[in-house]
Amino acid sequence: MSDPVVLLFSYGTLQLKPVQLANFGRELSGRPDAMVGWRRDMVAIRDPEVVKESGETHHPIVSPSDDARDEIPGVVFEITPAELLAADAYEVSDYKRVEVVLKSGATAWVYVMA
């Protein structure tokens, strides 16, 4: 019996190979998708370990938009529940994990503005 699959949508640093290797121990493969009705901003990252893994001091962050035409492109990954917990540990307190319905109709976890 195989492990259950969890869908995780990433519009930012979880798409980066070094971040995936550091948090999941493997490179993920995914498929393009999008969040509809959301807008993207940037947030300063103060956690030195997260900055080291991503190589970036500012990460994208999303919040609901007043314009239903707004769209955030990204990638959907199939991961395990244990990997989802690893992603939780990676994300800083500016983010919270929520479930969203993507443009494709798939339901996935994603990290949005807390």
PDB file of N, CA and C in Angstrom:
ATOM      1  N   MET A   1       0.845  -1.180   0.000  1.00  0.00           N
ATOM      2  CA  MET A   1       0.000   0.000   0.000  1.00  0.00           C
ATOM      3  C   MET A   1       0.887   1.239   0.000  1.00  0.00           C
ATOM      4  N   SER A   2       0.602   2.177  -0.877  1.00  0.00           N
ATOM      5  CA  SER A   2       1.435   3.367  -0.977  1.00  0.00           C
ATOM      6  C   SER A   2       0.964   4.435   0.000  1.00  0.00           C
ATOM      7  N   ASP A   3       1.859   5.386   0.277  1.00  0.00           N
ATOM      8  CA  ASP A   3       1.533   6.496   1.166  1.00  0.00           C
ATOM      9  C   ASP A   3       0.427   7.339   0.559  1.00  0.00           C
ATOM     10  N   PRO A   4      -0.412   7.947   1.410  1.00  0.00           N
ATOM     11  CA  PRO A   4      -1.429   8.847   0.873  1.00  0.00           C
ATOM     12  C   PRO A   4      -0.770  10.056   0.211  1.00  0.00           C
ATOM     13  N   VAL A   5      -1.468  10.609  -0.761  1.00  0.00           N
ATOM     14  CA  VAL A   5      -0.957  11.764  -1.497  1.00  0.00           C
ATOM     15  C   VAL A   5      -1.676  13.018  -1.026  1.00  0.00           C
ATOM     16  N   VAL A   6      -0.904  14.064  -0.820  1.00  0.00           N
ATOM     17  CA  VAL A   6      -1.413  15.373  -0.447  1.00  0.00           C
ATOM     18  C   VAL A   6      -1.023  16.332  -1.567  1.00  0.00           C
ATOM     19  N   LEU A   7      -1.931  17.199  -1.987  1.00  0.00           N
ATOM     20  CA  LEU A   7      -1.591  18.204  -2.993  1.00  0.00           C
ATOM     21  C   LEU A   7      -1.150  19.482  -2.309  1.00  0.00           C
ATOM     22  N   LEU A   8      -0.017  20.007  -2.749  1.00  0.00           N
ATOM     23  CA  LEU A   8       0.534  21.261  -2.243  1.00  0.00           C
ATOM     24  C   LEU A   8       0.774  22.182  -3.430  1.00  0.00           C
ATOM     25  N   PHE A   9       0.193  23.385  -3.380  1.00  0.00           N
ATOM     26  CA  PHE A   9       0.387  24.377  -4.430  1.00  0.00           C
ATOM     27  C   PHE A   9       1.461  25.349  -3.968  1.00  0.00           C
ATOM     28  N   SER A  10       2.432  25.612  -4.832  1.00  0.00           N
ATOM     29  CA  SER A  10       3.486  26.577  -4.528  1.00  0.00           C
ATOM     30  C   SER A  10       3.557  27.637  -5.611  1.00  0.00           C
ATOM     31  N   TYR A  11       3.613  28.882  -5.168  1.00  0.00           N
ATOM     32  CA  TYR A  11       3.812  30.025  -6.060  1.00  0.00           C
ATOM     33  C   TYR A  11       5.155  30.679  -5.779  1.00  0.00           C
ATOM     34  N   GLY A  12       5.956  30.072  -4.895  1.00  0.00           N
ATOM     35  CA  GLY A  12       7.193  30.718  -4.471  1.00  0.00           C
ATOM     36  C   GLY A  12       8.332  29.748  -4.243  1.00  0.00           C
ATOM     37  N   THR A  13       8.996  29.893  -3.088  1.00  0.00           N
ATOM     38  CA  THR A  13      10.273  29.225  -2.846  1.00  0.00           C
ATOM     39  C   THR A  13      10.174  27.711  -2.710  1.00  0.00           C
ATOM     40  N   LEU A  14       9.010  27.158  -2.440  1.00  0.00           N
ATOM     41  CA  LEU A  14       8.901  25.698  -2.381  1.00  0.00           C
ATOM     42  C   LEU A  14       9.085  25.063  -3.764  1.00  0.00           C
ATOM     43  N   GLN A  15       9.166  25.887  -4.804  1.00  0.00           N
ATOM     44  CA  GLN A  15       9.465  25.386  -6.148  1.00  0.00           C
ATOM     45  C   GLN A  15      10.975  25.247  -6.375  1.00  0.00           C
ATOM     46  N   LEU A  16      11.780  25.821  -5.479  1.00  0.00           N
ATOM     47  CA  LEU A  16      13.236  25.830  -5.654  1.00  0.00           C
ATOM     48  C   LEU A  16      13.847  24.503  -5.224  1.00  0.00           C
ATOM     49  N   LYS A  17      14.715  23.952  -6.070  1.00  0.00           N
ATOM     50  CA  LYS A  17      15.349  22.671  -5.780  1.00  0.00           C
ATOM     51  C   LYS A  17      16.075  22.662  -4.436  1.00  0.00           C
ATOM     52  N   PRO A  18      16.893  23.696  -4.091  1.00  0.00           N
ATOM     53  CA  PRO A  18      17.581  23.660  -2.795  1.00  0.00           C
ATOM     54  C   PRO A  18      16.611  23.635  -1.600  1.00  0.00           C
ATOM     55  N   VAL A  19      15.486  24.320  -1.714  1.00  0.00           N
ATOM     56  CA  VAL A  19      14.478  24.327  -0.647  1.00  0.00           C
ATOM     57  C   VAL A  19      13.828  22.947  -0.550  1.00  0.00           C
ATOM     58  N   GLN A  20      13.532  22.335  -1.678  1.00  0.00           N
ATOM     59  CA  GLN A  20      12.932  20.999  -1.681  1.00  0.00           C
ATOM     60  C   GLN A  20      13.883  19.969  -1.075  1.00  0.00           C
ATOM     61  N   LEU A  21      15.143  20.021  -1.484  1.00  0.00           N
ATOM     62  CA  LEU A  21      16.120  19.059  -0.959  1.00  0.00           C
ATOM     63  C   LEU A  21      16.300  19.235   0.541  1.00  0.00           C
ATOM     64  N   ALA A  22      16.350  20.476   1.012  1.00  0.00           N
ATOM     65  CA  ALA A  22      16.547  20.743   2.441  1.00  0.00           C
ATOM     66  C   ALA A  22      15.345  20.311   3.275  1.00  0.00           C
ATOM     67  N   ASN A  23      14.148  20.414   2.736  1.00  0.00           N
ATOM     68  CA  ASN A  23      12.946  20.143   3.525  1.00  0.00           C
ATOM     69  C   ASN A  23      12.315  18.782   3.282  1.00  0.00           C
ATOM     70  N   PHE A  24      12.461  18.249   2.077  1.00  0.00           N
ATOM     71  CA  PHE A  24      11.827  16.982   1.728  1.00  0.00           C
ATOM     72  C   PHE A  24      12.832  15.874   1.440  1.00  0.00           C
ATOM     73  N   GLY A  25      14.099  16.240   1.284  1.00  0.00           N
ATOM     74  CA  GLY A  25      15.121  15.251   0.970  1.00  0.00           C
ATOM     75  C   GLY A  25      15.060  14.736  -0.446  1.00  0.00           C
ATOM     76  N   ARG A  26      14.284  15.415  -1.289  1.00  0.00           N
ATOM     77  CA  ARG A  26      14.157  15.012  -2.689  1.00  0.00           C
ATOM     78  C   ARG A  26      13.667  16.207  -3.504  1.00  0.00           C
ATOM     79  N   GLU A  27      13.878  16.112  -4.818  1.00  0.00           N
ATOM     80  CA  GLU A  27      13.344  17.122  -5.725  1.00  0.00           C
ATOM     81  C   GLU A  27      11.933  16.700  -6.123  1.00  0.00           C
ATOM     82  N   LEU A  28      11.002  17.637  -6.037  1.00  0.00           N
ATOM     83  CA  LEU A  28       9.610  17.352  -6.376  1.00  0.00           C
ATOM     84  C   LEU A  28       9.356  17.593  -7.856  1.00  0.00           C
ATOM     85  N   SER A  29       8.403  16.872  -8.406  1.00  0.00           N
ATOM     86  CA  SER A  29       7.937  17.177  -9.751  1.00  0.00           C
ATOM     87  C   SER A  29       6.460  17.540  -9.617  1.00  0.00           C
ATOM     88  N   GLY A  30       6.029  18.484 -10.428  1.00  0.00           N
ATOM     89  CA  GLY A  30       4.656  18.948 -10.315  1.00  0.00           C
ATOM     90  C   GLY A  30       4.096  19.364 -11.654  1.00  0.00           C
ATOM     91  N   ARG A  31       2.897  19.948 -11.580  1.00  0.00           N
ATOM     92  CA  ARG A  31       2.242  20.413 -12.797  1.00  0.00           C
ATOM     93  C   ARG A  31       1.772  21.848 -12.595  1.00  0.00           C
ATOM     94  N   PRO A  32       1.766  22.643 -13.657  1.00  0.00           N
ATOM     95  CA  PRO A  32       1.333  24.037 -13.539  1.00  0.00           C
ATOM     96  C   PRO A  32      -0.151  24.140 -13.175  1.00  0.00           C
ATOM     97  N   ASP A  33      -0.477  25.159 -12.410  1.00  0.00           N
ATOM     98  CA  ASP A  33      -1.865  25.468 -12.063  1.00  0.00           C
ATOM     99  C   ASP A  33      -1.879  26.924 -11.611  1.00  0.00           C
ATOM    100  N   ALA A  34      -2.988  27.385 -11.078  1.00  0.00           N
ATOM    101  CA  ALA A  34      -3.074  28.778 -10.637  1.00  0.00           C
ATOM    102  C   ALA A  34      -4.140  28.927  -9.561  1.00  0.00           C
ATOM    103  N   MET A  35      -3.953  29.951  -8.730  1.00  0.00           N
ATOM    104  CA  MET A  35      -4.950  30.370  -7.745  1.00  0.00           C
ATOM    105  C   MET A  35      -5.685  31.558  -8.347  1.00  0.00           C
ATOM    106  N   VAL A  36      -7.003  31.457  -8.454  1.00  0.00           N
ATOM    107  CA  VAL A  36      -7.807  32.526  -9.043  1.00  0.00           C
ATOM    108  C   VAL A  36      -8.418  33.365  -7.926  1.00  0.00           C
ATOM    109  N   GLY A  37      -8.366  34.696  -8.098  1.00  0.00           N
ATOM    110  CA  GLY A  37      -8.939  35.594  -7.103  1.00  0.00           C
ATOM    111  C   GLY A  37      -7.996  35.937  -5.967  1.00  0.00           C
ATOM    112  N   TRP A  38      -6.713  35.801  -6.205  1.00  0.00           N
ATOM    113  CA  TRP A  38      -5.684  36.112  -5.214  1.00  0.00           C
ATOM    114  C   TRP A  38      -4.692  37.101  -5.818  1.00  0.00           C
ATOM    115  N   ARG A  39      -4.019  37.864  -4.940  1.00  0.00           N
ATOM    116  CA  ARG A  39      -2.971  38.791  -5.389  1.00  0.00           C
ATOM    117  C   ARG A  39      -1.675  38.483  -4.653  1.00  0.00           C
ATOM    118  N   ARG A  40      -0.578  38.845  -5.277  1.00  0.00           N
ATOM    119  CA  ARG A  40       0.748  38.532  -4.751  1.00  0.00           C
ATOM    120  C   ARG A  40       1.454  39.790  -4.270  1.00  0.00           C
ATOM    121  N   ASP A  41       2.097  39.677  -3.111  1.00  0.00           N
ATOM    122  CA  ASP A  41       2.963  40.716  -2.564  1.00  0.00           C
ATOM    123  C   ASP A  41       4.270  40.053  -2.174  1.00  0.00           C
ATOM    124  N   MET A  42       5.138  40.812  -1.524  1.00  0.00           N
ATOM    125  CA  MET A  42       6.399  40.268  -1.022  1.00  0.00           C
ATOM    126  C   MET A  42       6.464  40.519   0.482  1.00  0.00           C
ATOM    127  N   VAL A  43       7.142  39.612   1.207  1.00  0.00           N
ATOM    128  CA  VAL A  43       7.320  39.750   2.648  1.00  0.00           C
ATOM    129  C   VAL A  43       8.796  39.545   2.975  1.00  0.00           C
ATOM    130  N   ALA A  44       9.322  40.374   3.893  1.00  0.00           N
ATOM    131  CA  ALA A  44      10.705  40.231   4.344  1.00  0.00           C
ATOM    132  C   ALA A  44      10.809  39.011   5.252  1.00  0.00           C
ATOM    133  N   ILE A  45      11.818  38.178   5.019  1.00  0.00           N
ATOM    134  CA  ILE A  45      12.036  36.969   5.810  1.00  0.00           C
ATOM    135  C   ILE A  45      13.172  37.236   6.788  1.00  0.00           C
ATOM    136  N   ARG A  46      12.903  37.022   8.054  1.00  0.00           N
ATOM    137  CA  ARG A  46      13.891  37.288   9.098  1.00  0.00           C
ATOM    138  C   ARG A  46      14.523  36.023   9.672  1.00  0.00           C
ATOM    139  N   ASP A  47      14.002  34.864   9.319  1.00  0.00           N
ATOM    140  CA  ASP A  47      14.549  33.597   9.805  1.00  0.00           C
ATOM    141  C   ASP A  47      15.790  33.263   8.982  1.00  0.00           C
ATOM    142  N   PRO A  48      16.972  33.284   9.611  1.00  0.00           N
ATOM    143  CA  PRO A  48      18.214  33.078   8.850  1.00  0.00           C
ATOM    144  C   PRO A  48      18.292  31.716   8.164  1.00  0.00           C
ATOM    145  N   GLU A  49      17.704  30.679   8.747  1.00  0.00           N
ATOM    146  CA  GLU A  49      17.739  29.351   8.123  1.00  0.00           C
ATOM    147  C   GLU A  49      16.911  29.327   6.839  1.00  0.00           C
ATOM    148  N   VAL A  50      15.754  29.986   6.851  1.00  0.00           N
ATOM    149  CA  VAL A  50      14.899  30.054   5.664  1.00  0.00           C
ATOM    150  C   VAL A  50      15.593  30.868   4.571  1.00  0.00           C
ATOM    151  N   VAL A  51      16.244  31.970   4.958  1.00  0.00           N
ATOM    152  CA  VAL A  51      16.986  32.784   3.985  1.00  0.00           C
ATOM    153  C   VAL A  51      18.131  31.964   3.398  1.00  0.00           C
ATOM    154  N   LYS A  52      18.816  31.194   4.240  1.00  0.00           N
ATOM    155  CA  LYS A  52      19.927  30.355   3.766  1.00  0.00           C
ATOM    156  C   LYS A  52      19.442  29.314   2.758  1.00  0.00           C
ATOM    157  N   GLU A  53      18.314  28.648   3.080  1.00  0.00           N
ATOM    158  CA  GLU A  53      17.796  27.604   2.190  1.00  0.00           C
ATOM    159  C   GLU A  53      17.310  28.166   0.859  1.00  0.00           C
ATOM    160  N   SER A  54      16.620  29.314   0.921  1.00  0.00           N
ATOM    161  CA  SER A  54      16.020  29.872  -0.299  1.00  0.00           C
ATOM    162  C   SER A  54      16.975  30.777  -1.060  1.00  0.00           C
ATOM    163  N   GLY A  55      17.949  31.372  -0.341  1.00  0.00           N
ATOM    164  CA  GLY A  55      18.850  32.336  -0.965  1.00  0.00           C
ATOM    165  C   GLY A  55      18.187  33.686  -1.184  1.00  0.00           C
ATOM    166  N   GLU A  56      17.015  33.898  -0.563  1.00  0.00           N
ATOM    167  CA  GLU A  56      16.255  35.128  -0.780  1.00  0.00           C
ATOM    168  C   GLU A  56      15.808  35.721   0.549  1.00  0.00           C
ATOM    169  N   THR A  57      15.939  37.059   0.698  1.00  0.00           N
ATOM    170  CA  THR A  57      15.513  37.744   1.917  1.00  0.00           C
ATOM    171  C   THR A  57      14.055  38.169   1.865  1.00  0.00           C
ATOM    172  N   HIS A  58      13.465  38.159   0.681  1.00  0.00           N
ATOM    173  CA  HIS A  58      12.046  38.492   0.509  1.00  0.00           C
ATOM    174  C   HIS A  58      11.383  37.376  -0.285  1.00  0.00           C
ATOM    175  N   HIS A  59      10.248  36.910   0.229  1.00  0.00           N
ATOM    176  CA  HIS A  59       9.518  35.827  -0.421  1.00  0.00           C
ATOM    177  C   HIS A  59       8.149  36.326  -0.849  1.00  0.00           C
ATOM    178  N   PRO A  60       7.583  35.726  -1.902  1.00  0.00           N
ATOM    179  CA  PRO A  60       6.219  36.082  -2.288  1.00  0.00           C
ATOM    180  C   PRO A  60       5.228  35.603  -1.233  1.00  0.00           C
ATOM    181  N   ILE A  61       4.133  36.325  -1.133  1.00  0.00           N
ATOM    182  CA  ILE A  61       3.041  35.960  -0.229  1.00  0.00           C
ATOM    183  C   ILE A  61       1.744  36.388  -0.900  1.00  0.00           C
ATOM    184  N   VAL A  62       0.681  35.637  -0.711  1.00  0.00           N
ATOM    185  CA  VAL A  62      -0.582  35.954  -1.376  1.00  0.00           C
ATOM    186  C   VAL A  62      -1.696  36.213  -0.371  1.00  0.00           C
ATOM    187  N   SER A  63      -2.658  36.997  -0.827  1.00  0.00           N
ATOM    188  CA  SER A  63      -3.858  37.276  -0.044  1.00  0.00           C
ATOM    189  C   SER A  63      -5.019  37.408  -1.016  1.00  0.00           C
ATOM    190  N   PRO A  64      -6.255  37.259  -0.512  1.00  0.00           N
ATOM    191  CA  PRO A  64      -7.413  37.368  -1.406  1.00  0.00           C
ATOM    192  C   PRO A  64      -7.448  38.730  -2.091  1.00  0.00           C
ATOM    193  N   SER A  65      -7.897  38.738  -3.333  1.00  0.00           N
ATOM    194  CA  SER A  65      -7.979  39.964  -4.132  1.00  0.00           C
ATOM    195  C   SER A  65      -9.425  40.410  -4.253  1.00  0.00           C
ATOM    196  N   ASP A  66      -9.605  41.704  -4.432  1.00  0.00           N
ATOM    197  CA  ASP A  66     -10.934  42.251  -4.708  1.00  0.00           C
ATOM    198  C   ASP A  66     -11.318  42.036  -6.173  1.00  0.00           C
ATOM    199  N   ASP A  67     -10.348  41.635  -6.986  1.00  0.00           N
ATOM    200  CA  ASP A  67     -10.573  41.431  -8.414  1.00  0.00           C
ATOM    201  C   ASP A  67     -10.537  39.934  -8.720  1.00  0.00           C
ATOM    202  N   ALA A  68     -11.683  39.356  -9.027  1.00  0.00           N
ATOM    203  CA  ALA A  68     -11.772  37.917  -9.294  1.00  0.00           C
ATOM    204  C   ALA A  68     -10.939  37.489 -10.493  1.00  0.00           C
ATOM    205  N   ARG A  69     -10.501  38.449 -11.322  1.00  0.00           N
ATOM    206  CA  ARG A  69      -9.672  38.108 -12.488  1.00  0.00           C
ATOM    207  C   ARG A  69      -8.204  37.921 -12.113  1.00  0.00           C
ATOM    208  N   ASP A  70      -7.806  38.358 -10.903  1.00  0.00           N
ATOM    209  CA  ASP A  70      -6.415  38.177 -10.476  1.00  0.00           C
ATOM    210  C   ASP A  70      -6.105  36.688 -10.375  1.00  0.00           C
ATOM    211  N   GLU A  71      -4.869  36.347 -10.720  1.00  0.00           N
ATOM    212  CA  GLU A  71      -4.474  34.946 -10.775  1.00  0.00           C
ATOM    213  C   GLU A  71      -3.011  34.814 -10.373  1.00  0.00           C
ATOM    214  N   ILE A  72      -2.711  33.814  -9.563  1.00  0.00           N
ATOM    215  CA  ILE A  72      -1.347  33.533  -9.127  1.00  0.00           C
ATOM    216  C   ILE A  72      -0.907  32.222  -9.766  1.00  0.00           C
ATOM    217  N   PRO A  73       0.054  32.262 -10.704  1.00  0.00           N
ATOM    218  CA  PRO A  73       0.540  31.022 -11.289  1.00  0.00           C
ATOM    219  C   PRO A  73       1.458  30.287 -10.319  1.00  0.00           C
ATOM    220  N   GLY A  74       1.515  28.988 -10.466  1.00  0.00           N
ATOM    221  CA  GLY A  74       2.397  28.193  -9.624  1.00  0.00           C
ATOM    222  C   GLY A  74       2.396  26.747 -10.066  1.00  0.00           C
ATOM    223  N   VAL A  75       2.785  25.880  -9.137  1.00  0.00           N
ATOM    224  CA  VAL A  75       2.932  24.452  -9.427  1.00  0.00           C
ATOM    225  C   VAL A  75       2.261  23.648  -8.321  1.00  0.00           C
ATOM    226  N   VAL A  76       1.554  22.586  -8.710  1.00  0.00           N
ATOM    227  CA  VAL A  76       0.958  21.648  -7.760  1.00  0.00           C
ATOM    228  C   VAL A  76       1.892  20.447  -7.643  1.00  0.00           C
ATOM    229  N   PHE A  77       2.227  20.122  -6.397  1.00  0.00           N
ATOM    230  CA  PHE A  77       3.082  18.963  -6.115  1.00  0.00           C
ATOM    231  C   PHE A  77       2.282  17.916  -5.362  1.00  0.00           C
ATOM    232  N   GLU A  78       2.553  16.648  -5.647  1.00  0.00           N
ATOM    233  CA  GLU A  78       2.003  15.543  -4.871  1.00  0.00           C
ATOM    234  C   GLU A  78       3.054  15.169  -3.844  1.00  0.00           C
ATOM    235  N   ILE A  79       2.706  15.334  -2.560  1.00  0.00           N
ATOM    236  CA  ILE A  79       3.643  15.042  -1.479  1.00  0.00           C
ATOM    237  C   ILE A  79       2.963  14.140  -0.457  1.00  0.00           C
ATOM    238  N   THR A  80       3.723  13.685   0.527  1.00  0.00           N
ATOM    239  CA  THR A  80       3.179  12.857   1.605  1.00  0.00           C
ATOM    240  C   THR A  80       2.731  13.749   2.764  1.00  0.00           C
ATOM    241  N   PRO A  81       1.906  13.210   3.654  1.00  0.00           N
ATOM    242  CA  PRO A  81       1.545  13.981   4.846  1.00  0.00           C
ATOM    243  C   PRO A  81       2.770  14.402   5.667  1.00  0.00           C
ATOM    244  N   ALA A  82       3.785  13.550   5.753  1.00  0.00           N
ATOM    245  CA  ALA A  82       5.007  13.907   6.482  1.00  0.00           C
ATOM    246  C   ALA A  82       5.720  15.075   5.804  1.00  0.00           C
ATOM    247  N   GLU A  83       5.714  15.103   4.478  1.00  0.00           N
ATOM    248  CA  GLU A  83       6.334  16.214   3.758  1.00  0.00           C
ATOM    249  C   GLU A  83       5.543  17.509   3.962  1.00  0.00           C
ATOM    250  N   LEU A  84       4.224  17.394   4.089  1.00  0.00           N
ATOM    251  CA  LEU A  84       3.418  18.580   4.375  1.00  0.00           C
ATOM    252  C   LEU A  84       3.802  19.170   5.732  1.00  0.00           C
ATOM    253  N   LEU A  85       4.045  18.318   6.708  1.00  0.00           N
ATOM    254  CA  LEU A  85       4.493  18.801   8.017  1.00  0.00           C
ATOM    255  C   LEU A  85       5.879  19.445   7.918  1.00  0.00           C
ATOM    256  N   ALA A  86       6.737  18.924   7.047  1.00  0.00           N
ATOM    257  CA  ALA A  86       8.048  19.539   6.831  1.00  0.00           C
ATOM    258  C   ALA A  86       7.897  20.921   6.201  1.00  0.00           C
ATOM    259  N   ALA A  87       6.944  21.060   5.290  1.00  0.00           N
ATOM    260  CA  ALA A  87       6.671  22.374   4.692  1.00  0.00           C
ATOM    261  C   ALA A  87       6.148  23.345   5.750  1.00  0.00           C
ATOM    262  N   ASP A  88       5.299  22.853   6.656  1.00  0.00           N
ATOM    263  CA  ASP A  88       4.815  23.692   7.760  1.00  0.00           C
ATOM    264  C   ASP A  88       5.985  24.230   8.575  1.00  0.00           C
ATOM    265  N   ALA A  89       6.960  23.381   8.851  1.00  0.00           N
ATOM    266  CA  ALA A  89       8.113  23.792   9.654  1.00  0.00           C
ATOM    267  C   ALA A  89       8.982  24.817   8.920  1.00  0.00           C
ATOM    268  N   TYR A  90       9.026  24.737   7.597  1.00  0.00           N
ATOM    269  CA  TYR A  90       9.813  25.670   6.785  1.00  0.00           C
ATOM    270  C   TYR A  90       9.186  27.055   6.757  1.00  0.00           C
ATOM    271  N   GLU A  91       7.870  27.123   6.643  1.00  0.00           N
ATOM    272  CA  GLU A  91       7.199  28.415   6.487  1.00  0.00           C
ATOM    273  C   GLU A  91       7.257  29.220   7.781  1.00  0.00           C
ATOM    274  N   VAL A  92       7.520  30.527   7.644  1.00  0.00           N
ATOM    275  CA  VAL A  92       7.611  31.410   8.807  1.00  0.00           C
ATOM    276  C   VAL A  92       6.211  31.860   9.227  1.00  0.00           C
ATOM    277  N   SER A  93       6.123  32.543  10.355  1.00  0.00           N
ATOM    278  CA  SER A  93       4.828  32.883  10.961  1.00  0.00           C
ATOM    279  C   SER A  93       4.006  33.874  10.143  1.00  0.00           C
ATOM    280  N   ASP A  94       4.577  34.472   9.090  1.00  0.00           N
ATOM    281  CA  ASP A  94       3.815  35.359   8.214  1.00  0.00           C
ATOM    282  C   ASP A  94       2.801  34.575   7.380  1.00  0.00           C
ATOM    283  N   TYR A  95       2.980  33.247   7.319  1.00  0.00           N
ATOM    284  CA  TYR A  95       2.144  32.392   6.477  1.00  0.00           C
ATOM    285  C   TYR A  95       1.263  31.485   7.319  1.00  0.00           C
ATOM    286  N   LYS A  96       0.112  31.126   6.740  1.00  0.00           N
ATOM    287  CA  LYS A  96      -0.725  30.068   7.298  1.00  0.00           C
ATOM    288  C   LYS A  96      -1.106  29.152   6.146  1.00  0.00           C
ATOM    289  N   ARG A  97      -1.361  27.890   6.477  1.00  0.00           N
ATOM    290  CA  ARG A  97      -1.723  26.912   5.449  1.00  0.00           C
ATOM    291  C   ARG A  97      -3.239  26.802   5.380  1.00  0.00           C
ATOM    292  N   VAL A  98      -3.770  26.929   4.152  1.00  0.00           N
ATOM    293  CA  VAL A  98      -5.204  26.793   3.913  1.00  0.00           C
ATOM    294  C   VAL A  98      -5.413  25.918   2.678  1.00  0.00           C
ATOM    295  N   GLU A  99      -6.621  25.377   2.544  1.00  0.00           N
ATOM    296  CA  GLU A  99      -6.986  24.639   1.335  1.00  0.00           C
ATOM    297  C   GLU A  99      -7.686  25.582   0.374  1.00  0.00           C
ATOM    298  N   VAL A 100      -7.323  25.486  -0.896  1.00  0.00           N
ATOM    299  CA  VAL A 100      -7.961  26.295  -1.929  1.00  0.00           C
ATOM    300  C   VAL A 100      -8.318  25.404  -3.116  1.00  0.00           C
ATOM    301  N   VAL A 101      -9.318  25.843  -3.859  1.00  0.00           N
ATOM    302  CA  VAL A 101      -9.644  25.190  -5.127  1.00  0.00           C
ATOM    303  C   VAL A 101      -8.906  25.960  -6.210  1.00  0.00           C
ATOM    304  N   LEU A 102      -8.091  25.250  -6.952  1.00  0.00           N
ATOM    305  CA  LEU A 102      -7.263  25.862  -7.986  1.00  0.00           C
ATOM    306  C   LEU A 102      -8.035  26.002  -9.297  1.00  0.00           C
ATOM    307  N   LYS A 103      -7.437  26.690 -10.238  1.00  0.00           N
ATOM    308  CA  LYS A 103      -8.051  26.912 -11.548  1.00  0.00           C
ATOM    309  C   LYS A 103      -8.449  25.601 -12.216  1.00  0.00           C
ATOM    310  N   SER A 104      -7.636  24.557 -12.013  1.00  0.00           N
ATOM    311  CA  SER A 104      -7.909  23.244 -12.613  1.00  0.00           C
ATOM    312  C   SER A 104      -9.094  22.537 -11.966  1.00  0.00           C
ATOM    313  N   GLY A 105      -9.516  23.028 -10.792  1.00  0.00           N
ATOM    314  CA  GLY A 105     -10.567  22.358 -10.034  1.00  0.00           C
ATOM    315  C   GLY A 105     -10.025  21.490  -8.910  1.00  0.00           C
ATOM    316  N   ALA A 106      -8.701  21.265  -8.897  1.00  0.00           N
ATOM    317  CA  ALA A 106      -8.078  20.480  -7.826  1.00  0.00           C
ATOM    318  C   ALA A 106      -8.084  21.282  -6.526  1.00  0.00           C
ATOM    319  N   THR A 107      -8.207  20.572  -5.412  1.00  0.00           N
ATOM    320  CA  THR A 107      -8.112  21.195  -4.101  1.00  0.00           C
ATOM    321  C   THR A 107      -6.724  20.895  -3.548  1.00  0.00           C
ATOM    322  N   ALA A 108      -6.023  21.953  -3.122  1.00  0.00           N
ATOM    323  CA  ALA A 108      -4.647  21.796  -2.647  1.00  0.00           C
ATOM    324  C   ALA A 108      -4.402  22.688  -1.438  1.00  0.00           C
ATOM    325  N   TRP A 109      -3.422  22.289  -0.646  1.00  0.00           N
ATOM    326  CA  TRP A 109      -2.943  23.142   0.434  1.00  0.00           C
ATOM    327  C   TRP A 109      -2.047  24.210  -0.163  1.00  0.00           C
ATOM    328  N   VAL A 110      -2.070  25.398   0.445  1.00  0.00           N
ATOM    329  CA  VAL A 110      -1.202  26.492   0.010  1.00  0.00           C
ATOM    330  C   VAL A 110      -0.948  27.390   1.213  1.00  0.00           C
ATOM    331  N   TYR A 111       0.193  28.052   1.209  1.00  0.00           N
ATOM    332  CA  TYR A 111       0.546  28.988   2.282  1.00  0.00           C
ATOM    333  C   TYR A 111       0.217  30.398   1.832  1.00  0.00           C
ATOM    334  N   VAL A 112      -0.616  31.065   2.636  1.00  0.00           N
ATOM    335  CA  VAL A 112      -1.087  32.414   2.322  1.00  0.00           C
ATOM    336  C   VAL A 112      -0.751  33.340   3.490  1.00  0.00           C
ATOM    337  N   MET A 113      -1.038  34.636   3.302  1.00  0.00           N
ATOM    338  CA  MET A 113      -0.761  35.599   4.356  1.00  0.00           C
ATOM    339  C   MET A 113      -1.552  35.243   5.620  1.00  0.00           C
ATOM    340  N   ALA A 114      -0.849  35.167   6.748  1.00  0.00           N
ATOM    341  CA  ALA A 114      -1.490  34.833   8.036  1.00  0.00           C
ATOM    342  C   ALA A 114      -2.361  35.985   8.522  1.00  0.00           C
TER     343      ALA A 114
END
